[in-house]
N, C-alpha and C. Protein backbone atom coordinates (compact mmCIF):
# COMPACT_ATOMS: atom_id res chain seq x y z
N MET A 1 -84.92 75.32 16.51
CA MET A 1 -84.68 74.05 17.16
C MET A 1 -83.23 73.65 16.88
N PHE A 2 -82.57 73.14 17.89
CA PHE A 2 -81.17 72.75 17.81
C PHE A 2 -81.08 71.23 18.01
N LEU A 3 -80.49 70.53 17.03
CA LEU A 3 -80.37 69.07 17.10
C LEU A 3 -78.92 68.69 16.91
N LEU A 4 -78.37 67.99 17.88
CA LEU A 4 -76.98 67.57 17.84
C LEU A 4 -76.93 66.06 17.66
N PHE A 5 -76.34 65.60 16.55
CA PHE A 5 -76.29 64.17 16.29
C PHE A 5 -74.90 63.79 15.80
N GLY A 6 -74.61 62.49 15.85
CA GLY A 6 -73.31 62.00 15.41
C GLY A 6 -73.40 60.62 14.83
N PHE A 7 -72.36 60.23 14.09
CA PHE A 7 -72.30 58.95 13.42
C PHE A 7 -70.84 58.53 13.39
N GLY A 8 -70.53 57.29 13.78
CA GLY A 8 -69.14 56.87 13.73
C GLY A 8 -68.92 55.44 14.16
N THR A 9 -67.65 55.04 14.18
CA THR A 9 -67.24 53.70 14.57
C THR A 9 -66.60 53.77 15.94
N LYS A 10 -66.99 52.84 16.82
CA LYS A 10 -66.47 52.79 18.18
C LYS A 10 -65.78 51.45 18.41
N HIS A 11 -64.77 51.46 19.30
CA HIS A 11 -64.04 50.25 19.68
C HIS A 11 -64.18 50.06 21.19
N GLU A 12 -64.56 48.85 21.59
CA GLU A 12 -64.68 48.51 23.01
C GLU A 12 -63.61 47.47 23.33
N ASP A 13 -62.75 47.75 24.29
CA ASP A 13 -61.66 46.86 24.66
C ASP A 13 -62.21 45.65 25.42
N LEU A 14 -61.83 44.44 24.98
CA LEU A 14 -62.27 43.20 25.63
C LEU A 14 -61.14 42.50 26.35
N GLY A 15 -59.97 43.11 26.43
CA GLY A 15 -58.84 42.53 27.14
C GLY A 15 -57.83 41.91 26.20
N PRO A 16 -56.91 41.14 26.77
CA PRO A 16 -55.86 40.54 25.94
C PRO A 16 -56.38 39.40 25.07
N GLY A 17 -55.78 39.26 23.92
CA GLY A 17 -56.13 38.19 23.00
C GLY A 17 -55.05 37.11 23.02
N ALA A 18 -54.93 36.40 21.95
CA ALA A 18 -53.97 35.30 21.84
C ALA A 18 -52.57 35.83 21.52
N VAL A 19 -51.59 35.01 21.79
CA VAL A 19 -50.22 35.28 21.37
C VAL A 19 -50.06 34.59 20.02
N ARG A 20 -49.79 35.37 18.99
CA ARG A 20 -49.70 34.80 17.64
C ARG A 20 -48.73 35.60 16.77
N ALA A 21 -48.38 35.00 15.65
CA ALA A 21 -47.51 35.67 14.68
C ALA A 21 -48.38 36.52 13.76
N CYS A 22 -47.94 37.74 13.51
CA CYS A 22 -48.69 38.66 12.67
C CYS A 22 -48.41 38.37 11.20
N PRO A 23 -49.47 38.28 10.37
CA PRO A 23 -49.25 38.05 8.94
C PRO A 23 -48.68 39.27 8.23
N ARG A 24 -48.81 40.46 8.81
CA ARG A 24 -48.34 41.68 8.16
C ARG A 24 -46.88 42.00 8.50
N CYS A 25 -46.53 42.00 9.81
CA CYS A 25 -45.17 42.39 10.20
C CYS A 25 -44.28 41.20 10.53
N GLY A 26 -44.87 40.01 10.75
CA GLY A 26 -44.10 38.81 11.02
C GLY A 26 -43.64 38.64 12.45
N ASN A 27 -43.94 39.58 13.35
CA ASN A 27 -43.55 39.48 14.75
C ASN A 27 -44.56 38.66 15.55
N THR A 28 -44.09 37.97 16.58
CA THR A 28 -44.96 37.24 17.50
C THR A 28 -45.15 38.10 18.74
N SER A 29 -46.42 38.41 19.05
CA SER A 29 -46.71 39.28 20.19
C SER A 29 -48.10 38.98 20.74
N GLN A 30 -48.41 39.61 21.87
CA GLN A 30 -49.74 39.53 22.48
C GLN A 30 -50.67 40.45 21.70
N TRP A 31 -51.78 39.93 21.23
CA TRP A 31 -52.74 40.73 20.49
C TRP A 31 -53.83 41.23 21.43
N ALA A 32 -54.47 42.33 21.10
CA ALA A 32 -55.56 42.89 21.89
C ALA A 32 -56.88 42.50 21.24
N ARG A 33 -57.86 42.13 22.06
CA ARG A 33 -59.19 41.77 21.55
C ARG A 33 -60.13 42.96 21.73
N VAL A 34 -60.82 43.35 20.67
CA VAL A 34 -61.74 44.49 20.71
C VAL A 34 -63.05 44.13 20.01
N ARG A 35 -64.10 44.85 20.38
CA ARG A 35 -65.40 44.75 19.69
C ARG A 35 -65.59 46.07 18.97
N GLN A 36 -65.87 46.01 17.68
CA GLN A 36 -66.06 47.20 16.85
C GLN A 36 -67.51 47.26 16.42
N PHE A 37 -68.10 48.46 16.47
CA PHE A 37 -69.46 48.63 15.99
C PHE A 37 -69.65 50.07 15.51
N ARG A 38 -70.65 50.25 14.67
CA ARG A 38 -71.01 51.57 14.16
C ARG A 38 -72.22 52.02 14.96
N GLN A 39 -72.30 53.33 15.22
CA GLN A 39 -73.43 53.82 16.00
C GLN A 39 -73.88 55.21 15.56
N PHE A 40 -75.14 55.49 15.83
CA PHE A 40 -75.75 56.79 15.59
C PHE A 40 -76.15 57.35 16.94
N THR A 41 -75.78 58.61 17.23
CA THR A 41 -76.09 59.23 18.52
C THR A 41 -76.87 60.52 18.32
N VAL A 42 -77.70 60.81 19.31
CA VAL A 42 -78.43 62.08 19.37
C VAL A 42 -78.16 62.66 20.75
N PHE A 43 -77.61 63.85 20.82
CA PHE A 43 -77.21 64.50 22.07
C PHE A 43 -76.30 63.59 22.89
N PHE A 44 -75.33 62.93 22.22
CA PHE A 44 -74.31 62.07 22.83
C PHE A 44 -74.88 60.78 23.44
N VAL A 45 -76.12 60.45 23.16
CA VAL A 45 -76.74 59.21 23.64
C VAL A 45 -76.87 58.27 22.45
N PRO A 46 -76.29 57.04 22.54
CA PRO A 46 -76.43 56.09 21.43
C PRO A 46 -77.88 55.71 21.19
N VAL A 47 -78.32 55.86 19.95
CA VAL A 47 -79.69 55.53 19.57
C VAL A 47 -79.75 54.19 18.84
N ALA A 48 -78.78 53.93 17.96
CA ALA A 48 -78.77 52.69 17.19
C ALA A 48 -77.33 52.23 17.01
N ARG A 49 -77.13 50.90 17.11
CA ARG A 49 -75.82 50.28 16.86
C ARG A 49 -76.00 49.15 15.87
N TRP A 50 -75.03 49.01 14.96
CA TRP A 50 -75.08 47.93 13.99
C TRP A 50 -73.67 47.59 13.55
N GLY A 51 -73.51 46.52 12.79
CA GLY A 51 -72.22 46.12 12.25
C GLY A 51 -71.24 45.67 13.32
N ARG A 52 -71.73 44.97 14.33
CA ARG A 52 -70.84 44.50 15.40
C ARG A 52 -69.97 43.36 14.92
N ARG A 53 -68.68 43.42 15.32
CA ARG A 53 -67.76 42.33 15.03
C ARG A 53 -66.62 42.35 16.04
N GLN A 54 -66.02 41.19 16.27
CA GLN A 54 -64.90 41.07 17.19
C GLN A 54 -63.62 40.93 16.40
N LEU A 55 -62.60 41.66 16.84
CA LEU A 55 -61.32 41.68 16.16
C LEU A 55 -60.20 41.42 17.16
N GLU A 56 -59.08 40.92 16.65
CA GLU A 56 -57.83 40.91 17.41
C GLU A 56 -56.86 41.79 16.64
N ILE A 57 -56.18 42.70 17.38
CA ILE A 57 -55.30 43.69 16.77
C ILE A 57 -53.87 43.45 17.23
N CYS A 58 -52.94 43.44 16.29
CA CYS A 58 -51.52 43.26 16.58
C CYS A 58 -51.02 44.43 17.42
N GLY A 59 -50.28 44.12 18.48
CA GLY A 59 -49.77 45.16 19.36
C GLY A 59 -48.60 45.93 18.78
N ILE A 60 -48.01 45.46 17.69
CA ILE A 60 -46.84 46.13 17.11
C ILE A 60 -47.23 46.99 15.91
N CYS A 61 -47.90 46.40 14.92
CA CYS A 61 -48.18 47.17 13.71
C CYS A 61 -49.65 47.59 13.56
N GLY A 62 -50.56 47.03 14.37
CA GLY A 62 -51.97 47.44 14.30
C GLY A 62 -52.81 46.69 13.29
N ALA A 63 -52.28 45.61 12.71
CA ALA A 63 -53.07 44.81 11.78
C ALA A 63 -54.21 44.13 12.54
N ALA A 64 -55.39 44.03 11.92
CA ALA A 64 -56.56 43.45 12.57
C ALA A 64 -57.00 42.18 11.86
N VAL A 65 -57.42 41.20 12.67
CA VAL A 65 -57.93 39.93 12.15
C VAL A 65 -59.30 39.70 12.79
N GLU A 66 -60.32 39.47 11.96
CA GLU A 66 -61.66 39.23 12.46
C GLU A 66 -61.78 37.81 13.00
N LEU A 67 -62.44 37.68 14.14
CA LEU A 67 -62.63 36.35 14.75
C LEU A 67 -63.92 35.72 14.31
C-alpha cells in the first residue's frame, strides 16, 4: 500500500493591508495582508487545518504583525 501525506504551513493572500511604519526596519510602506494556517494533506488533498491567524507583512523587510 502506498500512502502519500504532507504537513506544513500555508499562506493565503488577502490583498493589500495598511500603510504603516515598520517596527523592525523603520520604513513606511504598504503592508500585505495574509492568512496563515497549518494543514495536513493526504494525496495533496487538505484533510485538516488548524492554527489560523491573520498577519500583515512588511513589503520591505518581511516583518510580520498579527492582527
